[in-house]
Amino acid sequence: MNKCLADFLVVSDLDGTLLQVPDGISDCSRTVIRLFTMMGGRFTVASGRSPLSVKNALKGLPLSAPAIVFNGGMLYDYQKEEPLLEHFVPRQTALSAIQFVMQQEPSVGVEILSSNGRMYLPHCCEYICRHAAHESLPYVAAQLDDIPGDWYKILFAGSPSGIAKLEGLVQQQEWENAYFTATNQNYLELMPAGVDKGSALQELCGRIGTAIEDVFAVGDYYNDLPMLQKCGHPVAVGNAVAQVKLASEIQVLPCRDGGVAQLLYDLIRRYGN
């Protein structure tokens, strides 16, 4: 059976894949995304960011499917402005992990994303302040005991050497119903067990009725691997780490040169009516 654009879903990571700091999403990429969706294709994003941070980054660019946010911790429907699926890190595990990290690497900053929609900073550093500014989000300085709600994830930020050291240490420990994943050379995150961009992609496909074999997933970093390994068509941007390139069947231009736009334009040429 001949395929058309409406048969496909393209899911793109944001930072380092579709978006470059401080430039944001380029005008070229915005134009091609709009054309792709106008012609029937479906496009959304998968990010470690919160729903508000993703919305700020999109700057009015519409998505034609719910977004994967918090690295898979939530599916968010921007048309209804509500979460469709939520996962949380067990609080006691989170507290134990924070204590362990602070003992091992006191210079690292801590950021907690709460179910009340706020970002809390129980321990700040220059990398955490930079991250808050980068995501254009207000934050609240607070003691751990004063942070309310359930917690989607805990982000640890520090120097590349400090994060690399921590990653090795935390992987030697067992964390009840949670795990650590590196999302950037400066960031290490504690996530709910069994939750990642791949598991969220499976849930998304079930909800919107798309076969996962018809998904093109685009990424650049290690936390993108689960969705690249689950989808039918894994894609790496040119600036991706080696493991992402090895896991992909397609390689497009680097983020700064519009790799996602290149993929979408190629799909339009091949399957547009």
C-alpha atoms as a PDB file:
ATOM      1  CA  MET A   1       0.000   0.000   0.000  1.00  0.00           C
ATOM      2  CA  ASN A   2       1.282   3.443  -0.936  1.00  0.00           C
ATOM      3  CA  LYS A   3       2.104   5.700   2.008  1.00  0.00           C
ATOM      4  CA  CYS A   4       1.175   9.360   2.362  1.00  0.00           C
ATOM      5  CA  LEU A   5       2.303  12.031   4.834  1.00  0.00           C
ATOM      6  CA  ALA A   6      -0.711  11.396   7.068  1.00  0.00           C
ATOM      7  CA  ASP A   7       0.647   7.911   7.802  1.00  0.00           C
ATOM      8  CA  PHE A   8       3.751   9.302   9.505  1.00  0.00           C
ATOM      9  CA  LEU A   9       4.568  10.882  12.848  1.00  0.00           C
ATOM     10  CA  VAL A  10       7.860  12.759  13.249  1.00  0.00           C
ATOM     11  CA  VAL A  11       9.061  13.194  16.835  1.00  0.00           C
ATOM     12  CA  SER A  12      12.034  15.482  17.392  1.00  0.00           C
ATOM     13  CA  ASP A  13      14.154  16.113  20.436  1.00  0.00           C
ATOM     14  CA  LEU A  14      14.452  19.839  21.163  1.00  0.00           C
ATOM     15  CA  ASP A  15      17.836  20.948  22.515  1.00  0.00           C
ATOM     16  CA  GLY A  16      20.697  20.144  20.184  1.00  0.00           C
ATOM     17  CA  THR A  17      18.342  18.619  17.607  1.00  0.00           C
ATOM     18  CA  LEU A  18      15.679  21.154  16.618  1.00  0.00           C
ATOM     19  CA  LEU A  19      16.706  24.069  18.809  1.00  0.00           C
ATOM     20  CA  GLN A  20      20.014  25.803  19.403  1.00  0.00           C
ATOM     21  CA  VAL A  21      20.659  28.081  22.352  1.00  0.00           C
ATOM     22  CA  PRO A  22      20.391  31.052  22.252  1.00  0.00           C
ATOM     23  CA  ASP A  23      18.944  31.165  18.724  1.00  0.00           C
ATOM     24  CA  GLY A  24      15.940  28.915  19.317  1.00  0.00           C
ATOM     25  CA  ILE A  25      14.097  27.168  16.468  1.00  0.00           C
ATOM     26  CA  SER A  26      15.127  28.685  13.147  1.00  0.00           C
ATOM     27  CA  ASP A  27      12.658  30.385  10.801  1.00  0.00           C
ATOM     28  CA  CYS A  28      13.507  27.806   8.144  1.00  0.00           C
ATOM     29  CA  SER A  29      12.624  24.910  10.455  1.00  0.00           C
ATOM     30  CA  ARG A  30       9.396  26.624  11.509  1.00  0.00           C
ATOM     31  CA  THR A  31       8.370  27.100   7.879  1.00  0.00           C
ATOM     32  CA  VAL A  32       9.039  23.472   6.916  1.00  0.00           C
ATOM     33  CA  ILE A  33       7.277  22.130  10.035  1.00  0.00           C
ATOM     34  CA  ARG A  34       4.189  24.194   9.199  1.00  0.00           C
ATOM     35  CA  LEU A  35       4.274  22.977   5.590  1.00  0.00           C
ATOM     36  CA  PHE A  36       4.683  19.347   6.696  1.00  0.00           C
ATOM     37  CA  THR A  37       1.668  19.528   9.028  1.00  0.00           C
ATOM     38  CA  MET A  38      -0.460  21.513   6.548  1.00  0.00           C
ATOM     39  CA  MET A  39       0.095  18.688   4.051  1.00  0.00           C
ATOM     40  CA  GLY A  40      -1.121  16.084   6.544  1.00  0.00           C
ATOM     41  CA  GLY A  41       2.017  14.957   8.353  1.00  0.00           C
ATOM     42  CA  ARG A  42       2.072  14.870  12.129  1.00  0.00           C
ATOM     43  CA  PHE A  43       4.867  16.494  14.098  1.00  0.00           C
ATOM     44  CA  THR A  44       5.654  16.774  17.794  1.00  0.00           C
ATOM     45  CA  VAL A  45       8.610  17.016  20.161  1.00  0.00           C
ATOM     46  CA  ALA A  46      10.203  14.892  22.890  1.00  0.00           C
ATOM     47  CA  SER A  47      12.133  16.857  25.494  1.00  0.00           C
ATOM     48  CA  GLY A  48      13.465  16.779  29.021  1.00  0.00           C
ATOM     49  CA  ARG A  49      11.903  20.211  29.497  1.00  0.00           C
ATOM     50  CA  SER A  50       8.669  20.986  31.326  1.00  0.00           C
ATOM     51  CA  PRO A  51       5.434  21.769  29.432  1.00  0.00           C
ATOM     52  CA  LEU A  52       5.870  25.496  30.050  1.00  0.00           C
ATOM     53  CA  SER A  53       9.501  25.471  28.947  1.00  0.00           C
ATOM     54  CA  VAL A  54       8.599  23.594  25.752  1.00  0.00           C
ATOM     55  CA  LYS A  55       5.800  26.092  25.096  1.00  0.00           C
ATOM     56  CA  ASN A  56       8.255  28.965  25.554  1.00  0.00           C
ATOM     57  CA  ALA A  57      10.671  27.332  23.108  1.00  0.00           C
ATOM     58  CA  LEU A  58       7.971  26.674  20.496  1.00  0.00           C
ATOM     59  CA  LYS A  59       6.868  30.339  20.522  1.00  0.00           C
ATOM     60  CA  GLY A  60       3.525  29.638  18.910  1.00  0.00           C
ATOM     61  CA  LEU A  61       4.643  26.805  16.624  1.00  0.00           C
ATOM     62  CA  PRO A  62       1.696  24.362  16.701  1.00  0.00           C
ATOM     63  CA  LEU A  63       2.160  20.642  17.286  1.00  0.00           C
ATOM     64  CA  SER A  64      -0.138  18.107  15.647  1.00  0.00           C
ATOM     65  CA  ALA A  65       0.254  15.470  18.384  1.00  0.00           C
ATOM     66  CA  PRO A  66       0.791  15.553  22.157  1.00  0.00           C
ATOM     67  CA  ALA A  67       4.361  16.251  23.260  1.00  0.00           C
ATOM     68  CA  ILE A  68       6.671  14.058  25.314  1.00  0.00           C
ATOM     69  CA  VAL A  69       8.073  16.161  28.173  1.00  0.00           C
ATOM     70  CA  PHE A  70      10.144  15.487  31.296  1.00  0.00           C
ATOM     71  CA  ASN A  71      12.088  12.873  29.242  1.00  0.00           C
ATOM     72  CA  GLY A  72       8.975  10.716  29.085  1.00  0.00           C
ATOM     73  CA  GLY A  73       7.600  11.546  32.524  1.00  0.00           C
ATOM     74  CA  MET A  74       4.565  13.188  30.936  1.00  0.00           C
ATOM     75  CA  LEU A  75       2.564  13.300  27.726  1.00  0.00           C
ATOM     76  CA  TYR A  76       1.169  16.809  27.349  1.00  0.00           C
ATOM     77  CA  ASP A  77      -1.650  17.911  25.039  1.00  0.00           C
ATOM     78  CA  TYR A  78      -1.091  21.554  24.089  1.00  0.00           C
ATOM     79  CA  GLN A  79      -4.476  21.833  22.392  1.00  0.00           C
ATOM     80  CA  LYS A  80      -6.317  20.865  25.578  1.00  0.00           C
ATOM     81  CA  GLU A  81      -3.562  22.333  27.775  1.00  0.00           C
ATOM     82  CA  GLU A  82      -3.514  19.293  30.044  1.00  0.00           C
ATOM     83  CA  PRO A  83      -1.332  16.271  30.827  1.00  0.00           C
ATOM     84  CA  LEU A  84      -2.472  12.937  29.398  1.00  0.00           C
ATOM     85  CA  LEU A  85      -0.037  10.764  31.338  1.00  0.00           C
ATOM     86  CA  GLU A  86       2.178  11.429  34.364  1.00  0.00           C
ATOM     87  CA  HIS A  87       4.928   9.540  36.215  1.00  0.00           C
ATOM     88  CA  PHE A  88       6.745  10.563  39.403  1.00  0.00           C
ATOM     89  CA  VAL A  89       9.979   9.707  41.206  1.00  0.00           C
ATOM     90  CA  PRO A  90       9.325   8.171  44.658  1.00  0.00           C
ATOM     91  CA  ARG A  91      10.059  10.937  47.153  1.00  0.00           C
ATOM     92  CA  GLN A  92      12.128   8.800  49.516  1.00  0.00           C
ATOM     93  CA  THR A  93      14.309   7.587  46.659  1.00  0.00           C
ATOM     94  CA  ALA A  94      14.701  11.167  45.469  1.00  0.00           C
ATOM     95  CA  LEU A  95      15.769  12.340  48.923  1.00  0.00           C
ATOM     96  CA  SER A  96      18.292   9.500  49.235  1.00  0.00           C
ATOM     97  CA  ALA A  97      19.708  10.274  45.796  1.00  0.00           C
ATOM     98  CA  ILE A  98      20.045  13.983  46.554  1.00  0.00           C
ATOM     99  CA  GLN A  99      21.829  13.230  49.821  1.00  0.00           C
ATOM    100  CA  PHE A 100      24.197  10.821  48.063  1.00  0.00           C
ATOM    101  CA  VAL A 101      25.003  13.276  45.277  1.00  0.00           C
ATOM    102  CA  MET A 102      25.636  16.170  47.656  1.00  0.00           C
ATOM    103  CA  GLN A 103      28.011  14.033  49.713  1.00  0.00           C
ATOM    104  CA  GLN A 104      29.952  12.959  46.635  1.00  0.00           C
ATOM    105  CA  GLU A 105      30.003  16.255  44.719  1.00  0.00           C
ATOM    106  CA  PRO A 106      28.928  19.239  46.885  1.00  0.00           C
ATOM    107  CA  SER A 107      29.465  21.736  44.060  1.00  0.00           C
ATOM    108  CA  VAL A 108      26.637  20.262  41.995  1.00  0.00           C
ATOM    109  CA  GLY A 109      23.313  22.100  41.915  1.00  0.00           C
ATOM    110  CA  VAL A 110      19.893  20.482  42.391  1.00  0.00           C
ATOM    111  CA  GLU A 111      16.625  21.287  40.612  1.00  0.00           C
ATOM    112  CA  ILE A 112      13.259  19.661  41.332  1.00  0.00           C
ATOM    113  CA  LEU A 113      10.279  19.771  38.948  1.00  0.00           C
ATOM    114  CA  SER A 114       7.095  19.512  41.006  1.00  0.00           C
ATOM    115  CA  SER A 115       3.543  18.552  40.043  1.00  0.00           C
ATOM    116  CA  ASN A 116       2.386  22.056  41.015  1.00  0.00           C
ATOM    117  CA  GLY A 117       4.165  23.321  37.899  1.00  0.00           C
ATOM    118  CA  ARG A 118       7.012  25.019  39.733  1.00  0.00           C
ATOM    119  CA  MET A 119      10.769  24.556  39.582  1.00  0.00           C
ATOM    120  CA  TYR A 120      12.437  24.377  42.998  1.00  0.00           C
ATOM    121  CA  LEU A 121      16.144  24.895  43.678  1.00  0.00           C
ATOM    122  CA  PRO A 122      17.174  23.371  47.019  1.00  0.00           C
ATOM    123  CA  HIS A 123      20.851  23.768  46.123  1.00  0.00           C
ATOM    124  CA  CYS A 124      21.996  26.333  43.579  1.00  0.00           C
ATOM    125  CA  CYS A 125      25.153  26.716  41.513  1.00  0.00           C
ATOM    126  CA  GLU A 126      26.109  28.602  38.345  1.00  0.00           C
ATOM    127  CA  TYR A 127      25.024  25.685  36.144  1.00  0.00           C
ATOM    128  CA  ILE A 128      21.581  25.502  37.753  1.00  0.00           C
ATOM    129  CA  CYS A 129      21.088  29.268  37.404  1.00  0.00           C
ATOM    130  CA  ARG A 130      22.159  29.004  33.764  1.00  0.00           C
ATOM    131  CA  HIS A 131      19.704  26.136  33.208  1.00  0.00           C
ATOM    132  CA  ALA A 132      16.803  28.078  34.740  1.00  0.00           C
ATOM    133  CA  ALA A 133      17.597  31.062  32.534  1.00  0.00           C
ATOM    134  CA  HIS A 134      18.046  28.828  29.475  1.00  0.00           C
ATOM    135  CA  GLU A 135      14.536  27.383  29.954  1.00  0.00           C
ATOM    136  CA  SER A 136      13.013  30.801  30.699  1.00  0.00           C
ATOM    137  CA  LEU A 137      11.338  29.498  33.832  1.00  0.00           C
ATOM    138  CA  PRO A 138      10.747  31.146  37.194  1.00  0.00           C
ATOM    139  CA  TYR A 139      12.127  29.211  40.131  1.00  0.00           C
ATOM    140  CA  VAL A 140      11.738  29.028  43.899  1.00  0.00           C
ATOM    141  CA  ALA A 141      14.654  28.600  46.305  1.00  0.00           C
ATOM    142  CA  ALA A 142      13.476  26.188  48.998  1.00  0.00           C
ATOM    143  CA  GLN A 143      14.582  23.594  51.512  1.00  0.00           C
ATOM    144  CA  LEU A 144      13.841  19.986  50.553  1.00  0.00           C
ATOM    145  CA  ASP A 145      11.273  19.578  53.322  1.00  0.00           C
ATOM    146  CA  ASP A 146       9.344  22.576  52.017  1.00  0.00           C
ATOM    147  CA  ILE A 147       8.974  21.406  48.408  1.00  0.00           C
ATOM    148  CA  PRO A 148       5.365  20.286  47.854  1.00  0.00           C
ATOM    149  CA  GLY A 149       3.653  17.961  45.386  1.00  0.00           C
ATOM    150  CA  ASP A 150       4.895  14.923  43.532  1.00  0.00           C
ATOM    151  CA  TRP A 151       8.204  15.196  41.695  1.00  0.00           C
ATOM    152  CA  TYR A 152       8.526  14.451  37.974  1.00  0.00           C
ATOM    153  CA  LYS A 153      12.309  14.412  37.994  1.00  0.00           C
ATOM    154  CA  ILE A 154      15.368  15.719  39.808  1.00  0.00           C
ATOM    155  CA  LEU A 155      18.050  17.419  37.748  1.00  0.00           C
ATOM    156  CA  PHE A 156      21.662  17.712  38.913  1.00  0.00           C
ATOM    157  CA  ALA A 157      23.837  20.264  37.135  1.00  0.00           C
ATOM    158  CA  GLY A 158      27.580  20.817  37.268  1.00  0.00           C
ATOM    159  CA  SER A 159      30.811  20.903  35.310  1.00  0.00           C
ATOM    160  CA  PRO A 160      31.349  18.189  32.687  1.00  0.00           C
ATOM    161  CA  SER A 161      34.023  16.572  34.854  1.00  0.00           C
ATOM    162  CA  GLY A 162      31.815  16.691  37.945  1.00  0.00           C
ATOM    163  CA  ILE A 163      28.822  15.192  36.128  1.00  0.00           C
ATOM    164  CA  ALA A 164      30.985  12.475  34.532  1.00  0.00           C
ATOM    165  CA  LYS A 165      32.316  11.540  37.969  1.00  0.00           C
ATOM    166  CA  LEU A 166      28.816  11.467  39.439  1.00  0.00           C
ATOM    167  CA  GLU A 167      27.424   9.372  36.611  1.00  0.00           C
ATOM    168  CA  GLY A 168      29.970   6.667  37.326  1.00  0.00           C
ATOM    169  CA  LEU A 169      29.177   6.728  41.052  1.00  0.00           C
ATOM    170  CA  VAL A 170      25.376   6.673  40.835  1.00  0.00           C
ATOM    171  CA  GLN A 171      25.397   3.805  38.331  1.00  0.00           C
ATOM    172  CA  GLN A 172      27.107   1.667  40.975  1.00  0.00           C
ATOM    173  CA  GLN A 173      24.139   2.159  43.323  1.00  0.00           C
ATOM    174  CA  GLU A 174      20.606   0.778  43.273  1.00  0.00           C
ATOM    175  CA  TRP A 175      17.763   3.288  43.338  1.00  0.00           C
ATOM    176  CA  GLU A 176      14.329   1.964  44.266  1.00  0.00           C
ATOM    177  CA  ASN A 177      11.872   2.566  41.406  1.00  0.00           C
ATOM    178  CA  ALA A 178      14.161   5.167  39.824  1.00  0.00           C
ATOM    179  CA  TYR A 179      17.270   5.490  37.657  1.00  0.00           C
ATOM    180  CA  PHE A 180      19.815   8.102  36.556  1.00  0.00           C
ATOM    181  CA  THR A 181      20.328   9.275  32.981  1.00  0.00           C
ATOM    182  CA  ALA A 182      22.682  11.864  31.485  1.00  0.00           C
ATOM    183  CA  THR A 183      20.851  14.407  29.326  1.00  0.00           C
ATOM    184  CA  ASN A 184      23.765  16.734  28.598  1.00  0.00           C
ATOM    185  CA  GLN A 185      27.426  16.929  29.551  1.00  0.00           C
ATOM    186  CA  ASN A 186      26.330  19.298  32.341  1.00  0.00           C
ATOM    187  CA  TYR A 187      23.128  17.513  33.454  1.00  0.00           C
ATOM    188  CA  LEU A 188      22.327  14.242  35.191  1.00  0.00           C
ATOM    189  CA  GLU A 189      18.680  13.416  35.952  1.00  0.00           C
ATOM    190  CA  LEU A 190      16.863  11.054  38.309  1.00  0.00           C
ATOM    191  CA  MET A 191      13.826   9.561  36.572  1.00  0.00           C
ATOM    192  CA  PRO A 192      11.031   7.129  37.519  1.00  0.00           C
ATOM    193  CA  ALA A 193      11.938   3.513  36.737  1.00  0.00           C
ATOM    194  CA  GLY A 194      10.732   2.268  33.357  1.00  0.00           C
ATOM    195  CA  VAL A 195      10.059   5.793  32.116  1.00  0.00           C
ATOM    196  CA  ASP A 196      11.928   7.309  29.186  1.00  0.00           C
ATOM    197  CA  LYS A 197      11.279   8.800  25.764  1.00  0.00           C
ATOM    198  CA  GLY A 198      10.845   5.319  24.324  1.00  0.00           C
ATOM    199  CA  SER A 199       8.120   4.233  26.752  1.00  0.00           C
ATOM    200  CA  ALA A 200       6.360   7.568  26.257  1.00  0.00           C
ATOM    201  CA  LEU A 201       6.551   7.166  22.475  1.00  0.00           C
ATOM    202  CA  GLN A 202       4.827   3.783  22.720  1.00  0.00           C
ATOM    203  CA  GLU A 203       2.079   5.312  24.850  1.00  0.00           C
ATOM    204  CA  LEU A 204       1.728   8.250  22.444  1.00  0.00           C
ATOM    205  CA  CYS A 205       1.382   5.967  19.408  1.00  0.00           C
ATOM    206  CA  GLY A 206      -1.326   3.977  21.155  1.00  0.00           C
ATOM    207  CA  ARG A 207      -3.271   7.107  21.996  1.00  0.00           C
ATOM    208  CA  ILE A 208      -3.179   8.674  18.536  1.00  0.00           C
ATOM    209  CA  GLY A 209      -3.461   5.448  16.557  1.00  0.00           C
ATOM    210  CA  THR A 210      -0.095   5.565  14.803  1.00  0.00           C
ATOM    211  CA  ALA A 211       1.941   2.423  14.214  1.00  0.00           C
ATOM    212  CA  ILE A 212       5.325   2.842  15.871  1.00  0.00           C
ATOM    213  CA  GLU A 213       6.853   1.476  12.660  1.00  0.00           C
ATOM    214  CA  ASP A 214       5.672   4.693  10.958  1.00  0.00           C
ATOM    215  CA  VAL A 215       7.458   6.993  13.416  1.00  0.00           C
ATOM    216  CA  PHE A 216      10.567   8.980  12.505  1.00  0.00           C
ATOM    217  CA  ALA A 217      12.309   9.917  15.769  1.00  0.00           C
ATOM    218  CA  VAL A 218      15.187  12.417  15.663  1.00  0.00           C
ATOM    219  CA  GLY A 219      17.777  12.925  18.384  1.00  0.00           C
ATOM    220  CA  ASP A 220      21.320  13.850  19.321  1.00  0.00           C
ATOM    221  CA  TYR A 221      22.088  12.565  22.841  1.00  0.00           C
ATOM    222  CA  TYR A 222      22.044   9.417  24.980  1.00  0.00           C
ATOM    223  CA  ASN A 223      18.593  10.090  26.481  1.00  0.00           C
ATOM    224  CA  ASP A 224      17.172   9.980  22.936  1.00  0.00           C
ATOM    225  CA  LEU A 225      18.318   6.389  22.402  1.00  0.00           C
ATOM    226  CA  PRO A 226      15.213   4.715  23.942  1.00  0.00           C
ATOM    227  CA  MET A 227      12.866   6.361  21.427  1.00  0.00           C
ATOM    228  CA  LEU A 228      15.282   5.777  18.538  1.00  0.00           C
ATOM    229  CA  GLN A 229      15.427   2.096  19.458  1.00  0.00           C
ATOM    230  CA  LYS A 230      11.632   1.799  19.627  1.00  0.00           C
ATOM    231  CA  CYS A 231      10.616   3.704  16.478  1.00  0.00           C
ATOM    232  CA  GLY A 232      10.507   2.433  12.902  1.00  0.00           C
ATOM    233  CA  HIS A 233      12.872   5.088  11.531  1.00  0.00           C
ATOM    234  CA  PRO A 234      15.598   6.364  13.898  1.00  0.00           C
ATOM    235  CA  VAL A 235      17.301   9.569  12.746  1.00  0.00           C
ATOM    236  CA  ALA A 236      20.458  11.307  14.025  1.00  0.00           C
ATOM    237  CA  VAL A 237      21.371  14.926  13.463  1.00  0.00           C
ATOM    238  CA  GLY A 238      24.946  15.493  12.322  1.00  0.00           C
ATOM    239  CA  ASN A 239      26.076  16.747  15.732  1.00  0.00           C
ATOM    240  CA  ALA A 240      24.769  13.661  17.569  1.00  0.00           C
ATOM    241  CA  VAL A 241      26.999  11.558  19.808  1.00  0.00           C
ATOM    242  CA  ALA A 242      28.442   8.417  18.219  1.00  0.00           C
ATOM    243  CA  GLN A 243      25.993   6.001  19.894  1.00  0.00           C
ATOM    244  CA  VAL A 244      23.000   7.888  18.507  1.00  0.00           C
ATOM    245  CA  LYS A 245      24.491   7.811  15.012  1.00  0.00           C
ATOM    246  CA  LEU A 246      25.129   4.076  15.304  1.00  0.00           C
ATOM    247  CA  ALA A 247      21.517   3.497  16.408  1.00  0.00           C
ATOM    248  CA  SER A 248      20.089   5.447  13.448  1.00  0.00           C
ATOM    249  CA  GLU A 249      19.210   4.427   9.907  1.00  0.00           C
ATOM    250  CA  ILE A 250      19.266   8.040   8.662  1.00  0.00           C
ATOM    251  CA  GLN A 251      21.685  10.886   9.367  1.00  0.00           C
ATOM    252  CA  VAL A 252      20.723  14.459   8.536  1.00  0.00           C
ATOM    253  CA  LEU A 253      22.476  17.811   8.818  1.00  0.00           C
ATOM    254  CA  PRO A 254      23.556  19.147  12.225  1.00  0.00           C
ATOM    255  CA  CYS A 255      21.054  21.066  14.326  1.00  0.00           C
ATOM    256  CA  ARG A 256      22.549  24.444  13.390  1.00  0.00           C
ATOM    257  CA  ASP A 257      22.086  23.636   9.682  1.00  0.00           C
ATOM    258  CA  GLY A 258      18.448  22.517   9.929  1.00  0.00           C
ATOM    259  CA  GLY A 259      18.672  18.726  10.047  1.00  0.00           C
ATOM    260  CA  VAL A 260      15.045  18.281  11.151  1.00  0.00           C
ATOM    261  CA  ALA A 261      13.849  20.565   8.340  1.00  0.00           C
ATOM    262  CA  GLN A 262      15.917  18.478   5.905  1.00  0.00           C
ATOM    263  CA  LEU A 263      14.166  15.292   7.068  1.00  0.00           C
ATOM    264  CA  LEU A 264      10.692  16.838   6.823  1.00  0.00           C
ATOM    265  CA  TYR A 265      11.365  18.272   3.373  1.00  0.00           C
ATOM    266  CA  ASP A 266      12.552  14.879   2.168  1.00  0.00           C
ATOM    267  CA  LEU A 267       9.344  13.271   3.481  1.00  0.00           C
ATOM    268  CA  ILE A 268       7.287  15.953   1.721  1.00  0.00           C
ATOM    269  CA  ARG A 269       9.071  15.225  -1.555  1.00  0.00           C
ATOM    270  CA  ARG A 270       8.613  11.465  -1.204  1.00  0.00           C
ATOM    271  CA  TYR A 271       5.095  11.233   0.218  1.00  0.00           C
ATOM    272  CA  GLY A 272       3.392  14.596  -0.364  1.00  0.00           C
ATOM    273  CA  ASN A 273       0.391  14.489  -2.684  1.00  0.00           C
END
